[in-house]
Each structure stands twice: as structure tokens, then as C-alpha cells.
């Protein structure tokens, strides 16, 4: 289990560095905003599954943070594209 958490942590760091570099280099355009929102969703799902301990619980408890995250990211995406 510890090895899986280390891999998940490395993935989270890589996705965060990717988002940081896009912002730092000012490479943000409309298509990349969608990619950033997707990476944010993936990061949130990984955190809720592995670091909040929801990986091995009932599906209804895993869906609560996923649905919340989907709604928030969708609203951010709509606000950006408007």
C-alpha cells in the first residue's frame, strides 16, 4: 500500500508542476483550460480515493466527493468560457 501511495503522490506532483508551468510560461489558451480542469479532476479523485481512504468503501461514499468535484469544475469551466 505504501508503494501505491508514493506513486499517487508522484503523479500529483507531476500534474501540479504541469499546471504551474503552463501558468508561469503563460501558455494558457481555451484548449489548455479544459486540460487543466481535467487534471484538477484527476488530482481530486486521486486525493479522495487514496489519501482520504475512500478507495475501499461503498460506492455511494466515493461518489459524494466525485459529484461535488464534478459540479465545481463544471461551474469553473462554464465561468471561464463565458
PDB file of N, CA and C in Angstrom:
ATOM      1  N   UNK A   1       0.827  -1.204   0.000  1.00  0.00           N
ATOM      2  CA  UNK A   1       0.000   0.000   0.000  1.00  0.00           C
ATOM      3  C   UNK A   1       0.864   1.259   0.000  1.00  0.00           C
ATOM      4  N   UNK A   2       1.974   1.195   0.723  1.00  0.00           N
ATOM      5  CA  UNK A   2       2.838   2.366   0.794  1.00  0.00           C
ATOM      6  C   UNK A   2       3.397   2.713  -0.572  1.00  0.00           C
ATOM      7  N   UNK A   3       3.712   1.708  -1.382  1.00  0.00           N
ATOM      8  CA  UNK A   3       4.247   1.928  -2.727  1.00  0.00           C
ATOM      9  C   UNK A   3       3.206   2.620  -3.617  1.00  0.00           C
ATOM     10  N   UNK A   4       1.961   2.213  -3.495  1.00  0.00           N
ATOM     11  CA  UNK A   4       0.886   2.836  -4.283  1.00  0.00           C
ATOM     12  C   UNK A   4       0.735   4.298  -3.906  1.00  0.00           C
ATOM     13  N   UNK A   5       0.793   4.591  -2.615  1.00  0.00           N
ATOM     14  CA  UNK A   5       0.673   5.984  -2.171  1.00  0.00           C
ATOM     15  C   UNK A   5       1.823   6.834  -2.681  1.00  0.00           C
ATOM     16  N   UNK A   6       3.010   6.261  -2.757  1.00  0.00           N
ATOM     17  CA  UNK A   6       4.149   7.001  -3.296  1.00  0.00           C
ATOM     18  C   UNK A   6       3.957   7.300  -4.783  1.00  0.00           C
ATOM     19  N   UNK A   7       3.448   6.333  -5.521  1.00  0.00           N
ATOM     20  CA  UNK A   7       3.189   6.542  -6.953  1.00  0.00           C
ATOM     21  C   UNK A   7       2.112   7.594  -7.158  1.00  0.00           C
ATOM     22  N   UNK A   8       1.049   7.520  -6.369  1.00  0.00           N
ATOM     23  CA  UNK A   8      -0.026   8.517  -6.470  1.00  0.00           C
ATOM     24  C   UNK A   8       0.519   9.896  -6.135  1.00  0.00           C
ATOM     25  N   UNK A   9       1.357   9.994  -5.124  1.00  0.00           N
ATOM     26  CA  UNK A   9       1.938  11.276  -4.742  1.00  0.00           C
ATOM     27  C   UNK A   9       2.794  11.841  -5.877  1.00  0.00           C
ATOM     28  N   UNK A  10       3.581  10.995  -6.528  1.00  0.00           N
ATOM     29  CA  UNK A  10       4.412  11.443  -7.649  1.00  0.00           C
ATOM     30  C   UNK A  10       3.540  11.932  -8.801  1.00  0.00           C
ATOM     31  N   UNK A  11       2.456  11.224  -9.087  1.00  0.00           N
ATOM     32  CA  UNK A  11       1.524  11.668 -10.140  1.00  0.00           C
ATOM     33  C   UNK A  11       0.928  13.027  -9.789  1.00  0.00           C
ATOM     34  N   UNK A  12       0.554  13.211  -8.535  1.00  0.00           N
ATOM     35  CA  UNK A  12       0.005  14.501  -8.102  1.00  0.00           C
ATOM     36  C   UNK A  12       1.027  15.624  -8.270  1.00  0.00           C
ATOM     37  N   UNK A  13       2.272  15.344  -7.930  1.00  0.00           N
ATOM     38  CA  UNK A  13       3.328  16.354  -8.080  1.00  0.00           C
ATOM     39  C   UNK A  13       3.535  16.690  -9.555  1.00  0.00           C
ATOM     40  N   UNK A  14       3.565  15.682 -10.413  1.00  0.00           N
ATOM     41  CA  UNK A  14       3.768  15.912 -11.850  1.00  0.00           C
ATOM     42  C   UNK A  14       2.631  16.745 -12.430  1.00  0.00           C
ATOM     43  N   UNK A  15       1.391  16.421 -12.076  1.00  0.00           N
ATOM     44  CA  UNK A  15       0.257  17.199 -12.581  1.00  0.00           C
ATOM     45  C   UNK A  15       0.281  18.631 -12.060  1.00  0.00           C
ATOM     46  N   UNK A  16       0.716  18.818 -10.826  1.00  0.00           N
ATOM     47  CA  UNK A  16       0.812  20.159 -10.265  1.00  0.00           C
ATOM     48  C   UNK A  16       1.899  20.970 -10.951  1.00  0.00           C
ATOM     49  N   UNK A  17       3.034  20.355 -11.199  1.00  0.00           N
ATOM     50  CA  UNK A  17       4.126  21.045 -11.901  1.00  0.00           C
ATOM     51  C   UNK A  17       3.694  21.398 -13.326  1.00  0.00           C
ATOM     52  N   UNK A  18       2.965  20.498 -13.982  1.00  0.00           N
ATOM     53  CA  UNK A  18       2.438  20.767 -15.325  1.00  0.00           C
ATOM     54  C   UNK A  18       1.543  22.003 -15.312  1.00  0.00           C
ATOM     55  N   UNK A  19       0.633  22.073 -14.359  1.00  0.00           N
ATOM     56  CA  UNK A  19      -0.266  23.231 -14.268  1.00  0.00           C
ATOM     57  C   UNK A  19       0.515  24.503 -13.947  1.00  0.00           C
ATOM     58  N   UNK A  20       1.482  24.408 -13.059  1.00  0.00           N
ATOM     59  CA  UNK A  20       2.290  25.566 -12.708  1.00  0.00           C
ATOM     60  C   UNK A  20       3.058  26.087 -13.919  1.00  0.00           C
ATOM     61  N   UNK A  21       3.684  25.187 -14.666  1.00  0.00           N
ATOM     62  CA  UNK A  21       4.468  25.610 -15.820  1.00  0.00           C
ATOM     63  C   UNK A  21       3.608  26.248 -16.902  1.00  0.00           C
ATOM     64  N   UNK A  22       2.410  25.732 -17.100  1.00  0.00           N
ATOM     65  CA  UNK A  22       1.516  26.358 -18.076  1.00  0.00           C
ATOM     66  C   UNK A  22       1.177  27.786 -17.677  1.00  0.00           C
ATOM     67  N   UNK A  23       0.950  27.998 -16.403  1.00  0.00           N
ATOM     68  CA  UNK A  23       0.657  29.346 -15.931  1.00  0.00           C
ATOM     69  C   UNK A  23       1.874  30.240 -15.946  1.00  0.00           C
ATOM     70  N   UNK A  24       3.007  29.710 -15.535  1.00  0.00           N
ATOM     71  CA  UNK A  24       4.233  30.503 -15.461  1.00  0.00           C
ATOM     72  C   UNK A  24       4.701  30.926 -16.850  1.00  0.00           C
ATOM     73  N   UNK A  25       4.591  30.036 -17.809  1.00  0.00           N
ATOM     74  CA  UNK A  25       5.015  30.335 -19.169  1.00  0.00           C
ATOM     75  C   UNK A  25       3.931  31.039 -19.991  1.00  0.00           C
ATOM     76  N   UNK A  26       2.801  31.298 -19.354  1.00  0.00           N
ATOM     77  CA  UNK A  26       1.663  31.974 -19.992  1.00  0.00           C
ATOM     78  C   UNK A  26       1.233  31.270 -21.277  1.00  0.00           C
ATOM     79  N   UNK A  27       1.115  29.954 -21.193  1.00  0.00           N
ATOM     80  CA  UNK A  27       0.695  29.143 -22.331  1.00  0.00           C
ATOM     81  C   UNK A  27      -0.787  28.783 -22.270  1.00  0.00           C
ATOM     82  N   UNK A  28      -1.538  29.529 -21.497  1.00  0.00           N
ATOM     83  CA  UNK A  28      -2.939  29.211 -21.294  1.00  0.00           C
ATOM     84  C   UNK A  28      -3.755  29.707 -22.486  1.00  0.00           C
ATOM     85  N   UNK A  29      -4.482  28.789 -23.105  1.00  0.00           N
ATOM     86  CA  UNK A  29      -5.482  29.158 -24.099  1.00  0.00           C
ATOM     87  C   UNK A  29      -6.729  28.331 -23.806  1.00  0.00           C
ATOM     88  N   UNK A  30      -7.716  28.457 -24.642  1.00  0.00           N
ATOM     89  CA  UNK A  30      -9.005  27.828 -24.376  1.00  0.00           C
ATOM     90  C   UNK A  30      -8.894  26.303 -24.304  1.00  0.00           C
ATOM     91  N   UNK A  31      -8.116  25.707 -25.171  1.00  0.00           N
ATOM     92  CA  UNK A  31      -7.994  24.248 -25.167  1.00  0.00           C
ATOM     93  C   UNK A  31      -7.264  23.752 -23.922  1.00  0.00           C
ATOM     94  N   UNK A  32      -6.260  24.486 -23.477  1.00  0.00           N
ATOM     95  CA  UNK A  32      -5.496  24.048 -22.318  1.00  0.00           C
ATOM     96  C   UNK A  32      -6.261  24.231 -21.009  1.00  0.00           C
ATOM     97  N   UNK A  33      -7.221  25.118 -20.997  1.00  0.00           N
ATOM     98  CA  UNK A  33      -8.048  25.260 -19.789  1.00  0.00           C
ATOM     99  C   UNK A  33      -8.819  23.969 -19.545  1.00  0.00           C
ATOM    100  N   UNK A  34      -9.324  23.376 -20.599  1.00  0.00           N
ATOM    101  CA  UNK A  34     -10.002  22.085 -20.461  1.00  0.00           C
ATOM    102  C   UNK A  34      -9.071  21.010 -19.927  1.00  0.00           C
ATOM    103  N   UNK A  35      -7.839  21.002 -20.410  1.00  0.00           N
ATOM    104  CA  UNK A  35      -6.852  20.035 -19.919  1.00  0.00           C
ATOM    105  C   UNK A  35      -6.532  20.286 -18.445  1.00  0.00           C
ATOM    106  N   UNK A  36      -6.417  21.548 -18.072  1.00  0.00           N
ATOM    107  CA  UNK A  36      -6.148  21.865 -16.667  1.00  0.00           C
ATOM    108  C   UNK A  36      -7.311  21.470 -15.767  1.00  0.00           C
ATOM    109  N   UNK A  37      -8.522  21.695 -16.237  1.00  0.00           N
ATOM    110  CA  UNK A  37      -9.680  21.288 -15.444  1.00  0.00           C
ATOM    111  C   UNK A  37      -9.737  19.765 -15.308  1.00  0.00           C
ATOM    112  N   UNK A  38      -9.378  19.066 -16.363  1.00  0.00           N
ATOM    113  CA  UNK A  38      -9.351  17.603 -16.300  1.00  0.00           C
ATOM    114  C   UNK A  38      -8.285  17.121 -15.322  1.00  0.00           C
ATOM    115  N   UNK A  39      -7.088  17.724 -15.373  1.00  0.00           N
ATOM    116  CA  UNK A  39      -6.042  17.316 -14.434  1.00  0.00           C
ATOM    117  C   UNK A  39      -6.437  17.641 -12.997  1.00  0.00           C
ATOM    118  N   UNK A  40      -7.170  18.724 -12.810  1.00  0.00           N
ATOM    119  CA  UNK A  40      -7.665  19.056 -11.474  1.00  0.00           C
ATOM    120  C   UNK A  40      -8.654  18.004 -10.990  1.00  0.00           C
ATOM    121  N   UNK A  41      -9.502  17.535 -11.893  1.00  0.00           N
ATOM    122  CA  UNK A  41     -10.442  16.476 -11.529  1.00  0.00           C
ATOM    123  C   UNK A  41      -9.698  15.196 -11.170  1.00  0.00           C
ATOM    124  N   UNK A  42      -8.700  14.834 -11.959  1.00  0.00           N
ATOM    125  CA  UNK A  42      -7.927  13.628 -11.686  1.00  0.00           C
ATOM    126  C   UNK A  42      -7.221  13.744 -10.338  1.00  0.00           C
ATOM    127  N   UNK A  43      -6.632  14.902 -10.066  1.00  0.00           N
ATOM    128  CA  UNK A  43      -5.961  15.107  -8.787  1.00  0.00           C
ATOM    129  C   UNK A  43      -6.946  14.993  -7.632  1.00  0.00           C
ATOM    130  N   UNK A  44      -8.111  15.588  -7.764  1.00  0.00           N
ATOM    131  CA  UNK A  44      -9.124  15.492  -6.708  1.00  0.00           C
ATOM    132  C   UNK A  44      -9.593  14.071  -6.492  1.00  0.00           C
ATOM    133  N   UNK A  45      -9.771  13.328  -7.588  1.00  0.00           N
ATOM    134  CA  UNK A  45     -10.199  11.930  -7.465  1.00  0.00           C
ATOM    135  C   UNK A  45      -9.119  11.085  -6.795  1.00  0.00           C
ATOM    136  N   UNK A  46      -7.870  11.322  -7.140  1.00  0.00           N
ATOM    137  CA  UNK A  46      -6.781  10.575  -6.504  1.00  0.00           C
ATOM    138  C   UNK A  46      -6.680  10.885  -5.018  1.00  0.00           C
ATOM    139  N   UNK A  47      -6.811  12.147  -4.669  1.00  0.00           N
ATOM    140  CA  UNK A  47      -6.748  12.519  -3.248  1.00  0.00           C
ATOM    141  C   UNK A  47      -7.901  11.891  -2.480  1.00  0.00           C
ATOM    142  N   UNK A  48      -9.105  11.946  -3.033  1.00  0.00           N
ATOM    143  CA  UNK A  48     -10.243  11.379  -2.312  1.00  0.00           C
ATOM    144  C   UNK A  48     -10.156   9.857  -2.210  1.00  0.00           C
ATOM    145  N   UNK A  49      -9.643   9.203  -3.229  1.00  0.00           N
ATOM    146  CA  UNK A  49      -9.554   7.745  -3.186  1.00  0.00           C
ATOM    147  C   UNK A  49      -8.444   7.254  -2.264  1.00  0.00           C
ATOM    148  N   UNK A  50      -7.266   7.816  -2.390  1.00  0.00           N
ATOM    149  CA  UNK A  50      -6.116   7.260  -1.692  1.00  0.00           C
ATOM    150  C   UNK A  50      -5.781   7.958  -0.380  1.00  0.00           C
ATOM    151  N   UNK A  51      -5.854   9.269  -0.331  1.00  0.00           N
ATOM    152  CA  UNK A  51      -5.427   9.968   0.878  1.00  0.00           C
ATOM    153  C   UNK A  51      -6.572  10.236   1.851  1.00  0.00           C
ATOM    154  N   UNK A  52      -7.810  10.182   1.368  1.00  0.00           N
ATOM    155  CA  UNK A  52      -8.952  10.270   2.272  1.00  0.00           C
ATOM    156  C   UNK A  52      -9.454   8.884   2.659  1.00  0.00           C
ATOM    157  N   UNK A  53      -8.879   7.859   2.063  1.00  0.00           N
ATOM    158  CA  UNK A  53      -9.214   6.489   2.423  1.00  0.00           C
ATOM    159  C   UNK A  53     -10.524   5.995   1.863  1.00  0.00           C
ATOM    160  N   UNK A  54     -10.988   6.542   0.746  1.00  0.00           N
ATOM    161  CA  UNK A  54     -12.271   6.146   0.194  1.00  0.00           C
ATOM    162  C   UNK A  54     -12.152   5.083  -0.890  1.00  0.00           C
ATOM    163  N   UNK A  55     -10.981   4.555  -1.110  1.00  0.00           N
ATOM    164  CA  UNK A  55     -10.776   3.577  -2.182  1.00  0.00           C
ATOM    165  C   UNK A  55     -11.533   2.276  -1.923  1.00  0.00           C
ATOM    166  N   UNK A  56     -11.621   1.861  -0.679  1.00  0.00           N
ATOM    167  CA  UNK A  56     -12.212   0.563  -0.356  1.00  0.00           C
ATOM    168  C   UNK A  56     -13.551   0.653   0.367  1.00  0.00           C
ATOM    169  N   UNK A  57     -14.243   1.755   0.196  1.00  0.00           N
ATOM    170  CA  UNK A  57     -15.546   1.890   0.846  1.00  0.00           C
ATOM    171  C   UNK A  57     -16.648   1.731  -0.193  1.00  0.00           C
ATOM    172  N   UNK A  58     -17.862   1.800   0.259  1.00  0.00           N
ATOM    173  CA  UNK A  58     -19.019   1.664  -0.623  1.00  0.00           C
ATOM    174  C   UNK A  58     -19.027   2.764  -1.690  1.00  0.00           C
ATOM    175  N   UNK A  59     -19.598   2.428  -2.832  1.00  0.00           N
ATOM    176  CA  UNK A  59     -19.609   3.362  -3.960  1.00  0.00           C
ATOM    177  C   UNK A  59     -20.325   4.663  -3.633  1.00  0.00           C
ATOM    178  N   UNK A  60     -21.380   4.593  -2.841  1.00  0.00           N
ATOM    179  CA  UNK A  60     -22.124   5.820  -2.544  1.00  0.00           C
ATOM    180  C   UNK A  60     -21.275   6.839  -1.785  1.00  0.00           C
ATOM    181  N   UNK A  61     -20.352   6.351  -0.964  1.00  0.00           N
ATOM    182  CA  UNK A  61     -19.477   7.270  -0.239  1.00  0.00           C
ATOM    183  C   UNK A  61     -18.364   7.814  -1.128  1.00  0.00           C
ATOM    184  N   UNK A  62     -17.973   7.049  -2.121  1.00  0.00           N
ATOM    185  CA  UNK A  62     -16.964   7.530  -3.067  1.00  0.00           C
ATOM    186  C   UNK A  62     -17.554   8.540  -4.036  1.00  0.00           C
ATOM    187  N   UNK A  63     -18.845   8.422  -4.330  1.00  0.00           N
ATOM    188  CA  UNK A  63     -19.476   9.327  -5.289  1.00  0.00           C
ATOM    189  C   UNK A  63     -19.699  10.729  -4.745  1.00  0.00           C
ATOM    190  N   UNK A  64     -19.816  10.874  -3.453  1.00  0.00           N
ATOM    191  CA  UNK A  64     -20.086  12.191  -2.869  1.00  0.00           C
ATOM    192  C   UNK A  64     -18.989  13.202  -3.231  1.00  0.00           C
ATOM    193  N   UNK A  65     -17.706  12.929  -2.966  1.00  0.00           N
ATOM    194  CA  UNK A  65     -16.699  13.922  -3.366  1.00  0.00           C
ATOM    195  C   UNK A  65     -16.529  14.028  -4.880  1.00  0.00           C
ATOM    196  N   UNK A  66     -16.765  12.933  -5.616  1.00  0.00           N
ATOM    197  CA  UNK A  66     -16.623  12.972  -7.075  1.00  0.00           C
ATOM    198  C   UNK A  66     -17.705  13.853  -7.689  1.00  0.00           C
ATOM    199  N   UNK A  67     -18.928  13.719  -7.227  1.00  0.00           N
ATOM    200  CA  UNK A  67     -20.017  14.558  -7.743  1.00  0.00           C
ATOM    201  C   UNK A  67     -19.768  16.017  -7.384  1.00  0.00           C
ATOM    202  N   UNK A  68     -19.360  16.268  -6.144  1.00  0.00           N
ATOM    203  CA  UNK A  68     -19.053  17.647  -5.737  1.00  0.00           C
ATOM    204  C   UNK A  68     -17.954  18.235  -6.604  1.00  0.00           C
ATOM    205  N   UNK A  69     -16.897  17.468  -6.825  1.00  0.00           N
ATOM    206  CA  UNK A  69     -15.781  17.936  -7.634  1.00  0.00           C
ATOM    207  C   UNK A  69     -16.209  18.184  -9.079  1.00  0.00           C
ATOM    208  N   UNK A  70     -17.053  17.324  -9.613  1.00  0.00           N
ATOM    209  CA  UNK A  70     -17.549  17.496 -10.975  1.00  0.00           C
ATOM    210  C   UNK A  70     -18.360  18.780 -11.105  1.00  0.00           C
ATOM    211  N   UNK A  71     -19.218  19.043 -10.140  1.00  0.00           N
ATOM    212  CA  UNK A  71     -20.039  20.256 -10.187  1.00  0.00           C
ATOM    213  C   UNK A  71     -19.158  21.506 -10.104  1.00  0.00           C
ATOM    214  N   UNK A  72     -18.216  21.513  -9.190  1.00  0.00           N
ATOM    215  CA  UNK A  72     -17.348  22.681  -9.021  1.00  0.00           C
ATOM    216  C   UNK A  72     -16.512  22.924 -10.269  1.00  0.00           C
ATOM    217  N   UNK A  73     -15.912  21.878 -10.814  1.00  0.00           N
ATOM    218  CA  UNK A  73     -15.081  22.036 -12.005  1.00  0.00           C
ATOM    219  C   UNK A  73     -15.921  22.438 -13.205  1.00  0.00           C
ATOM    220  N   UNK A  74     -17.122  21.900 -13.325  1.00  0.00           N
ATOM    221  CA  UNK A  74     -18.003  22.295 -14.427  1.00  0.00           C
ATOM    222  C   UNK A  74     -18.381  23.770 -14.319  1.00  0.00           C
ATOM    223  N   UNK A  75     -18.674  24.237 -13.118  1.00  0.00           N
ATOM    224  CA  UNK A  75     -19.013  25.650 -12.937  1.00  0.00           C
ATOM    225  C   UNK A  75     -17.818  26.557 -13.244  1.00  0.00           C
ATOM    226  N   UNK A  76     -16.630  26.138 -12.861  1.00  0.00           N
ATOM    227  CA  UNK A  76     -15.438  26.921 -13.196  1.00  0.00           C
ATOM    228  C   UNK A  76     -15.238  26.960 -14.703  1.00  0.00           C
ATOM    229  N   UNK A  77     -15.433  25.823 -15.370  1.00  0.00           N
ATOM    230  CA  UNK A  77     -15.301  25.779 -16.819  1.00  0.00           C
ATOM    231  C   UNK A  77     -16.315  26.649 -17.526  1.00  0.00           C
ATOM    232  N   UNK A  78     -17.558  26.620 -17.076  1.00  0.00           N
ATOM    233  CA  UNK A  78     -18.598  27.469 -17.665  1.00  0.00           C
ATOM    234  C   UNK A  78     -18.271  28.940 -17.450  1.00  0.00           C
ATOM    235  N   UNK A  79     -17.829  29.267 -16.236  1.00  0.00           N
ATOM    236  CA  UNK A  79     -17.482  30.669 -15.955  1.00  0.00           C
ATOM    237  C   UNK A  79     -16.311  31.131 -16.819  1.00  0.00           C
ATOM    238  N   UNK A  80     -15.352  30.259 -17.066  1.00  0.00           N
ATOM    239  CA  UNK A  80     -14.205  30.657 -17.884  1.00  0.00           C
ATOM    240  C   UNK A  80     -14.619  30.862 -19.336  1.00  0.00           C
ATOM    241  N   UNK A  81     -15.421  29.960 -19.860  1.00  0.00           N
ATOM    242  CA  UNK A  81     -15.777  30.043 -21.280  1.00  0.00           C
ATOM    243  C   UNK A  81     -16.824  31.127 -21.568  1.00  0.00           C
ATOM    244  N   UNK A  82     -17.506  31.614 -20.535  1.00  0.00           N
ATOM    245  CA  UNK A  82     -18.445  32.722 -20.760  1.00  0.00           C
ATOM    246  C   UNK A  82     -17.674  34.013 -20.809  1.00  0.00           C
TER     247      UNK A  82
END
